[in-house]
């Protein structure tokens, strides 16, 4: 199993706290098996759901896009 660099616990908690409500809608798309395995491993190592990583990644991507405009 691929090991990612250790992330300080307080950073993980800060990044992944209190996002989204109880209502959820399915989002289905295909990714390469290697990407899925790395993504899932990262989520397990950070002790957060895969969906939270997706939410936060999208937030950071949007912020980066706004920063460069």
PDB file of N, CA and C in Angstrom:
ATOM      1  N   UNK A   1       0.843  -1.170   0.000  1.00  0.00           N
ATOM      2  CA  UNK A   1       0.000   0.000   0.000  1.00  0.00           C
ATOM      3  C   UNK A   1       0.894   1.241   0.000  1.00  0.00           C
ATOM      4  N   UNK A   2       0.571   2.207  -0.869  1.00  0.00           N
ATOM      5  CA  UNK A   2       1.340   3.440  -0.964  1.00  0.00           C
ATOM      6  C   UNK A   2       1.134   4.275   0.291  1.00  0.00           C
ATOM      7  N   UNK A   3       2.209   4.814   0.823  1.00  0.00           N
ATOM      8  CA  UNK A   3       2.123   5.629   2.048  1.00  0.00           C
ATOM      9  C   UNK A   3       2.341   7.093   1.690  1.00  0.00           C
ATOM     10  N   UNK A   4       1.431   7.940   2.122  1.00  0.00           N
ATOM     11  CA  UNK A   4       1.545   9.371   1.891  1.00  0.00           C
ATOM     12  C   UNK A   4       2.254  10.020   3.072  1.00  0.00           C
ATOM     13  N   UNK A   5       2.860  11.197   2.860  1.00  0.00           N
ATOM     14  CA  UNK A   5       3.516  11.883   3.974  1.00  0.00           C
ATOM     15  C   UNK A   5       2.532  12.152   5.105  1.00  0.00           C
ATOM     16  N   UNK A   6       3.028  12.096   6.318  1.00  0.00           N
ATOM     17  CA  UNK A   6       2.178  12.366   7.485  1.00  0.00           C
ATOM     18  C   UNK A   6       1.700  13.813   7.466  1.00  0.00           C
ATOM     19  N   UNK A   7       0.434  13.998   7.759  1.00  0.00           N
ATOM     20  CA  UNK A   7      -0.155  15.335   7.846  1.00  0.00           C
ATOM     21  C   UNK A   7      -0.506  15.564   9.307  1.00  0.00           C
ATOM     22  N   UNK A   8      -0.051  16.698   9.883  1.00  0.00           N
ATOM     23  CA  UNK A   8      -0.391  16.950  11.286  1.00  0.00           C
ATOM     24  C   UNK A   8      -1.893  16.881  11.520  1.00  0.00           C
ATOM     25  N   UNK A   9      -2.296  16.235  12.591  1.00  0.00           N
ATOM     26  CA  UNK A   9      -3.709  15.988  12.896  1.00  0.00           C
ATOM     27  C   UNK A   9      -4.538  17.271  12.922  1.00  0.00           C
ATOM     28  N   UNK A  10      -4.008  18.353  13.506  1.00  0.00           N
ATOM     29  CA  UNK A  10      -4.789  19.586  13.605  1.00  0.00           C
ATOM     30  C   UNK A  10      -5.085  20.174  12.233  1.00  0.00           C
ATOM     31  N   UNK A  11      -4.193  19.955  11.261  1.00  0.00           N
ATOM     32  CA  UNK A  11      -4.446  20.447   9.904  1.00  0.00           C
ATOM     33  C   UNK A  11      -5.563  19.638   9.267  1.00  0.00           C
ATOM     34  N   UNK A  12      -5.529  18.336   9.415  1.00  0.00           N
ATOM     35  CA  UNK A  12      -6.577  17.487   8.849  1.00  0.00           C
ATOM     36  C   UNK A  12      -7.929  17.857   9.438  1.00  0.00           C
ATOM     37  N   UNK A  13      -7.991  18.020  10.740  1.00  0.00           N
ATOM     38  CA  UNK A  13      -9.256  18.368  11.392  1.00  0.00           C
ATOM     39  C   UNK A  13      -9.752  19.713  10.896  1.00  0.00           C
ATOM     40  N   UNK A  14      -8.875  20.699  10.779  1.00  0.00           N
ATOM     41  CA  UNK A  14      -9.264  22.027  10.324  1.00  0.00           C
ATOM     42  C   UNK A  14      -9.786  21.982   8.894  1.00  0.00           C
ATOM     43  N   UNK A  15      -9.120  21.238   8.026  1.00  0.00           N
ATOM     44  CA  UNK A  15      -9.530  21.179   6.627  1.00  0.00           C
ATOM     45  C   UNK A  15     -10.851  20.454   6.430  1.00  0.00           C
ATOM     46  N   UNK A  16     -11.133  19.466   7.258  1.00  0.00           N
ATOM     47  CA  UNK A  16     -12.263  18.598   7.010  1.00  0.00           C
ATOM     48  C   UNK A  16     -13.389  18.733   8.021  1.00  0.00           C
ATOM     49  N   UNK A  17     -13.499  19.844   8.720  1.00  0.00           N
ATOM     50  CA  UNK A  17     -14.559  19.931   9.717  1.00  0.00           C
ATOM     51  C   UNK A  17     -15.791  20.651   9.166  1.00  0.00           C
ATOM     52  N   UNK A  18     -16.940  20.185   9.575  1.00  0.00           N
ATOM     53  CA  UNK A  18     -18.224  20.831   9.319  1.00  0.00           C
ATOM     54  C   UNK A  18     -18.445  21.272   7.876  1.00  0.00           C
ATOM     55  N   UNK A  19     -18.448  20.336   6.953  1.00  0.00           N
ATOM     56  CA  UNK A  19     -18.759  20.698   5.575  1.00  0.00           C
ATOM     57  C   UNK A  19     -19.953  19.903   5.096  1.00  0.00           C
ATOM     58  N   UNK A  20     -20.893  20.583   4.476  1.00  0.00           N
ATOM     59  CA  UNK A  20     -22.055  19.932   3.888  1.00  0.00           C
ATOM     60  C   UNK A  20     -23.134  19.642   4.900  1.00  0.00           C
ATOM     61  N   UNK A  21     -24.324  19.395   4.377  1.00  0.00           N
ATOM     62  CA  UNK A  21     -25.458  19.072   5.226  1.00  0.00           C
ATOM     63  C   UNK A  21     -25.750  17.590   5.200  1.00  0.00           C
ATOM     64  N   UNK A  22     -26.939  17.259   5.681  1.00  0.00           N
ATOM     65  CA  UNK A  22     -27.341  15.854   5.715  1.00  0.00           C
ATOM     66  C   UNK A  22     -27.851  15.371   4.364  1.00  0.00           C
ATOM     67  N   UNK A  23     -28.377  16.281   3.552  1.00  0.00           N
ATOM     68  CA  UNK A  23     -28.924  15.883   2.256  1.00  0.00           C
ATOM     69  C   UNK A  23     -27.785  15.654   1.265  1.00  0.00           C
ATOM     70  N   UNK A  24     -27.792  14.498   0.622  1.00  0.00           N
ATOM     71  CA  UNK A  24     -26.734  14.145  -0.325  1.00  0.00           C
ATOM     72  C   UNK A  24     -27.350  13.704  -1.645  1.00  0.00           C
ATOM     73  N   UNK A  25     -26.608  13.867  -2.722  1.00  0.00           N
ATOM     74  CA  UNK A  25     -27.029  13.437  -4.047  1.00  0.00           C
ATOM     75  C   UNK A  25     -25.868  12.654  -4.662  1.00  0.00           C
ATOM     76  N   UNK A  26     -26.187  11.587  -5.394  1.00  0.00           N
ATOM     77  CA  UNK A  26     -25.149  10.762  -6.014  1.00  0.00           C
ATOM     78  C   UNK A  26     -24.367  11.544  -7.062  1.00  0.00           C
ATOM     79  N   UNK A  27     -23.083  11.278  -7.116  1.00  0.00           N
ATOM     80  CA  UNK A  27     -22.194  11.835  -8.125  1.00  0.00           C
ATOM     81  C   UNK A  27     -21.369  10.661  -8.633  1.00  0.00           C
ATOM     82  N   UNK A  28     -21.593  10.256  -9.866  1.00  0.00           N
ATOM     83  CA  UNK A  28     -20.936   9.058 -10.397  1.00  0.00           C
ATOM     84  C   UNK A  28     -20.037   9.405 -11.571  1.00  0.00           C
ATOM     85  N   UNK A  29     -18.793   8.970 -11.497  1.00  0.00           N
ATOM     86  CA  UNK A  29     -17.863   9.125 -12.600  1.00  0.00           C
ATOM     87  C   UNK A  29     -16.774   8.069 -12.462  1.00  0.00           C
ATOM     88  N   UNK A  30     -16.108   7.801 -13.558  1.00  0.00           N
ATOM     89  CA  UNK A  30     -15.082   6.752 -13.594  1.00  0.00           C
ATOM     90  C   UNK A  30     -13.693   7.369 -13.461  1.00  0.00           C
ATOM     91  N   UNK A  31     -12.834   6.686 -12.710  1.00  0.00           N
ATOM     92  CA  UNK A  31     -11.432   7.081 -12.569  1.00  0.00           C
ATOM     93  C   UNK A  31     -10.579   5.829 -12.740  1.00  0.00           C
ATOM     94  N   UNK A  32      -9.308   6.004 -13.090  1.00  0.00           N
ATOM     95  CA  UNK A  32      -8.433   4.839 -13.212  1.00  0.00           C
ATOM     96  C   UNK A  32      -8.296   4.117 -11.864  1.00  0.00           C
ATOM     97  N   UNK A  33      -8.160   2.793 -11.890  1.00  0.00           N
ATOM     98  CA  UNK A  33      -8.056   2.015 -10.651  1.00  0.00           C
ATOM     99  C   UNK A  33      -6.927   2.477  -9.726  1.00  0.00           C
ATOM    100  N   UNK A  34      -5.775   2.861 -10.292  1.00  0.00           N
ATOM    101  CA  UNK A  34      -4.658   3.329  -9.466  1.00  0.00           C
ATOM    102  C   UNK A  34      -5.013   4.611  -8.723  1.00  0.00           C
ATOM    103  N   UNK A  35      -5.687   5.532  -9.415  1.00  0.00           N
ATOM    104  CA  UNK A  35      -6.108   6.781  -8.774  1.00  0.00           C
ATOM    105  C   UNK A  35      -7.072   6.480  -7.635  1.00  0.00           C
ATOM    106  N   UNK A  36      -8.023   5.599  -7.885  1.00  0.00           N
ATOM    107  CA  UNK A  36      -9.002   5.240  -6.856  1.00  0.00           C
ATOM    108  C   UNK A  36      -8.309   4.655  -5.627  1.00  0.00           C
ATOM    109  N   UNK A  37      -7.343   3.781  -5.857  1.00  0.00           N
ATOM    110  CA  UNK A  37      -6.627   3.158  -4.741  1.00  0.00           C
ATOM    111  C   UNK A  37      -5.844   4.203  -3.937  1.00  0.00           C
ATOM    112  N   UNK A  38      -5.154   5.112  -4.627  1.00  0.00           N
ATOM    113  CA  UNK A  38      -4.407   6.170  -3.935  1.00  0.00           C
ATOM    114  C   UNK A  38      -5.344   7.084  -3.159  1.00  0.00           C
ATOM    115  N   UNK A  39      -6.457   7.437  -3.777  1.00  0.00           N
ATOM    116  CA  UNK A  39      -7.450   8.333  -3.165  1.00  0.00           C
ATOM    117  C   UNK A  39      -8.021   7.704  -1.892  1.00  0.00           C
ATOM    118  N   UNK A  40      -8.381   6.430  -1.998  1.00  0.00           N
ATOM    119  CA  UNK A  40      -8.948   5.723  -0.851  1.00  0.00           C
ATOM    120  C   UNK A  40      -7.913   5.564   0.263  1.00  0.00           C
ATOM    121  N   UNK A  41      -6.682   5.239  -0.100  1.00  0.00           N
ATOM    122  CA  UNK A  41      -5.609   5.108   0.883  1.00  0.00           C
ATOM    123  C   UNK A  41      -5.398   6.421   1.624  1.00  0.00           C
ATOM    124  N   UNK A  42      -5.377   7.514   0.886  1.00  0.00           N
ATOM    125  CA  UNK A  42      -5.200   8.832   1.502  1.00  0.00           C
ATOM    126  C   UNK A  42      -6.331   9.122   2.479  1.00  0.00           C
ATOM    127  N   UNK A  43      -7.564   8.822   2.093  1.00  0.00           N
ATOM    128  CA  UNK A  43      -8.716   9.055   2.972  1.00  0.00           C
ATOM    129  C   UNK A  43      -8.603   8.238   4.255  1.00  0.00           C
ATOM    130  N   UNK A  44      -8.215   6.990   4.127  1.00  0.00           N
ATOM    131  CA  UNK A  44      -8.072   6.127   5.305  1.00  0.00           C
ATOM    132  C   UNK A  44      -6.967   6.650   6.216  1.00  0.00           C
ATOM    133  N   UNK A  45      -5.848   7.038   5.634  1.00  0.00           N
ATOM    134  CA  UNK A  45      -4.732   7.541   6.435  1.00  0.00           C
ATOM    135  C   UNK A  45      -5.079   8.843   7.154  1.00  0.00           C
ATOM    136  N   UNK A  46      -5.932   9.665   6.538  1.00  0.00           N
ATOM    137  CA  UNK A  46      -6.348  10.934   7.161  1.00  0.00           C
ATOM    138  C   UNK A  46      -7.584  10.754   8.036  1.00  0.00           C
ATOM    139  N   UNK A  47      -8.164   9.550   8.004  1.00  0.00           N
ATOM    140  CA  UNK A  47      -9.355   9.240   8.792  1.00  0.00           C
ATOM    141  C   UNK A  47     -10.529  10.161   8.462  1.00  0.00           C
ATOM    142  N   UNK A  48     -10.749  10.377   7.160  1.00  0.00           N
ATOM    143  CA  UNK A  48     -11.884  11.175   6.693  1.00  0.00           C
ATOM    144  C   UNK A  48     -12.560  10.439   5.540  1.00  0.00           C
ATOM    145  N   UNK A  49     -13.849  10.687   5.326  1.00  0.00           N
ATOM    146  CA  UNK A  49     -14.532  10.057   4.195  1.00  0.00           C
ATOM    147  C   UNK A  49     -13.980  10.567   2.861  1.00  0.00           C
ATOM    148  N   UNK A  50     -14.041   9.720   1.859  1.00  0.00           N
ATOM    149  CA  UNK A  50     -13.592  10.116   0.531  1.00  0.00           C
ATOM    150  C   UNK A  50     -14.377  11.317   0.021  1.00  0.00           C
ATOM    151  N   UNK A  51     -15.650  11.399   0.362  1.00  0.00           N
ATOM    152  CA  UNK A  51     -16.472  12.527  -0.092  1.00  0.00           C
ATOM    153  C   UNK A  51     -15.968  13.852   0.471  1.00  0.00           C
ATOM    154  N   UNK A  52     -15.472  13.846   1.699  1.00  0.00           N
ATOM    155  CA  UNK A  52     -14.937  15.080   2.291  1.00  0.00           C
ATOM    156  C   UNK A  52     -13.715  15.568   1.525  1.00  0.00           C
ATOM    157  N   UNK A  53     -12.877  14.638   1.087  1.00  0.00           N
ATOM    158  CA  UNK A  53     -11.709  15.030   0.299  1.00  0.00           C
ATOM    159  C   UNK A  53     -12.160  15.659  -1.009  1.00  0.00           C
ATOM    160  N   UNK A  54     -13.178  15.088  -1.624  1.00  0.00           N
ATOM    161  CA  UNK A  54     -13.707  15.658  -2.859  1.00  0.00           C
ATOM    162  C   UNK A  54     -14.245  17.062  -2.624  1.00  0.00           C
ATOM    163  N   UNK A  55     -15.038  17.266  -1.566  1.00  0.00           N
ATOM    164  CA  UNK A  55     -15.582  18.595  -1.260  1.00  0.00           C
ATOM    165  C   UNK A  55     -14.463  19.607  -1.102  1.00  0.00           C
ATOM    166  N   UNK A  56     -13.494  19.269  -0.268  1.00  0.00           N
ATOM    167  CA  UNK A  56     -12.409  20.212   0.032  1.00  0.00           C
ATOM    168  C   UNK A  56     -11.518  20.447  -1.182  1.00  0.00           C
ATOM    169  N   UNK A  57     -11.260  19.406  -1.948  1.00  0.00           N
ATOM    170  CA  UNK A  57     -10.449  19.568  -3.159  1.00  0.00           C
ATOM    171  C   UNK A  57     -11.114  20.548  -4.112  1.00  0.00           C
ATOM    172  N   UNK A  58     -12.420  20.428  -4.251  1.00  0.00           N
ATOM    173  CA  UNK A  58     -13.154  21.334  -5.127  1.00  0.00           C
ATOM    174  C   UNK A  58     -13.083  22.760  -4.603  1.00  0.00           C
ATOM    175  N   UNK A  59     -13.215  22.934  -3.286  1.00  0.00           N
ATOM    176  CA  UNK A  59     -13.096  24.274  -2.695  1.00  0.00           C
ATOM    177  C   UNK A  59     -11.719  24.871  -2.984  1.00  0.00           C
ATOM    178  N   UNK A  60     -10.668  24.098  -2.749  1.00  0.00           N
ATOM    179  CA  UNK A  60      -9.315  24.597  -2.979  1.00  0.00           C
ATOM    180  C   UNK A  60      -9.080  24.900  -4.456  1.00  0.00           C
ATOM    181  N   UNK A  61      -9.609  24.070  -5.331  1.00  0.00           N
ATOM    182  CA  UNK A  61      -9.454  24.290  -6.770  1.00  0.00           C
ATOM    183  C   UNK A  61     -10.136  25.590  -7.175  1.00  0.00           C
ATOM    184  N   UNK A  62     -11.351  25.801  -6.676  1.00  0.00           N
ATOM    185  CA  UNK A  62     -12.062  27.051  -6.983  1.00  0.00           C
ATOM    186  C   UNK A  62     -11.294  28.261  -6.476  1.00  0.00           C
ATOM    187  N   UNK A  63     -10.763  28.166  -5.255  1.00  0.00           N
ATOM    188  CA  UNK A  63      -9.982  29.281  -4.709  1.00  0.00           C
ATOM    189  C   UNK A  63      -8.753  29.543  -5.577  1.00  0.00           C
ATOM    190  N   UNK A  64      -8.085  28.494  -6.015  1.00  0.00           N
ATOM    191  CA  UNK A  64      -6.895  28.649  -6.852  1.00  0.00           C
ATOM    192  C   UNK A  64      -7.251  29.286  -8.191  1.00  0.00           C
ATOM    193  N   UNK A  65      -8.361  28.891  -8.769  1.00  0.00           N
ATOM    194  CA  UNK A  65      -8.787  29.464 -10.050  1.00  0.00           C
ATOM    195  C   UNK A  65      -9.104  30.946  -9.896  1.00  0.00           C
ATOM    196  N   UNK A  66      -9.745  31.309  -8.804  1.00  0.00           N
ATOM    197  CA  UNK A  66     -10.057  32.719  -8.558  1.00  0.00           C
ATOM    198  C   UNK A  66      -8.786  33.519  -8.301  1.00  0.00           C
ATOM    199  N   UNK A  67      -7.814  32.886  -7.664  1.00  0.00           N
ATOM    200  CA  UNK A  67      -6.557  33.554  -7.334  1.00  0.00           C
ATOM    201  C   UNK A  67      -5.786  33.916  -8.600  1.00  0.00           C
ATOM    202  N   UNK A  68      -5.860  33.057  -9.617  1.00  0.00           N
ATOM    203  CA  UNK A  68      -5.078  33.264 -10.835  1.00  0.00           C
ATOM    204  C   UNK A  68      -5.788  34.141 -11.854  1.00  0.00           C
ATOM    205  N   UNK A  69      -6.989  34.556 -11.580  1.00  0.00           N
ATOM    206  CA  UNK A  69      -7.727  35.393 -12.548  1.00  0.00           C
ATOM    207  C   UNK A  69      -7.545  36.847 -12.268  1.00  0.00           C
TER     208      UNK A  69
END
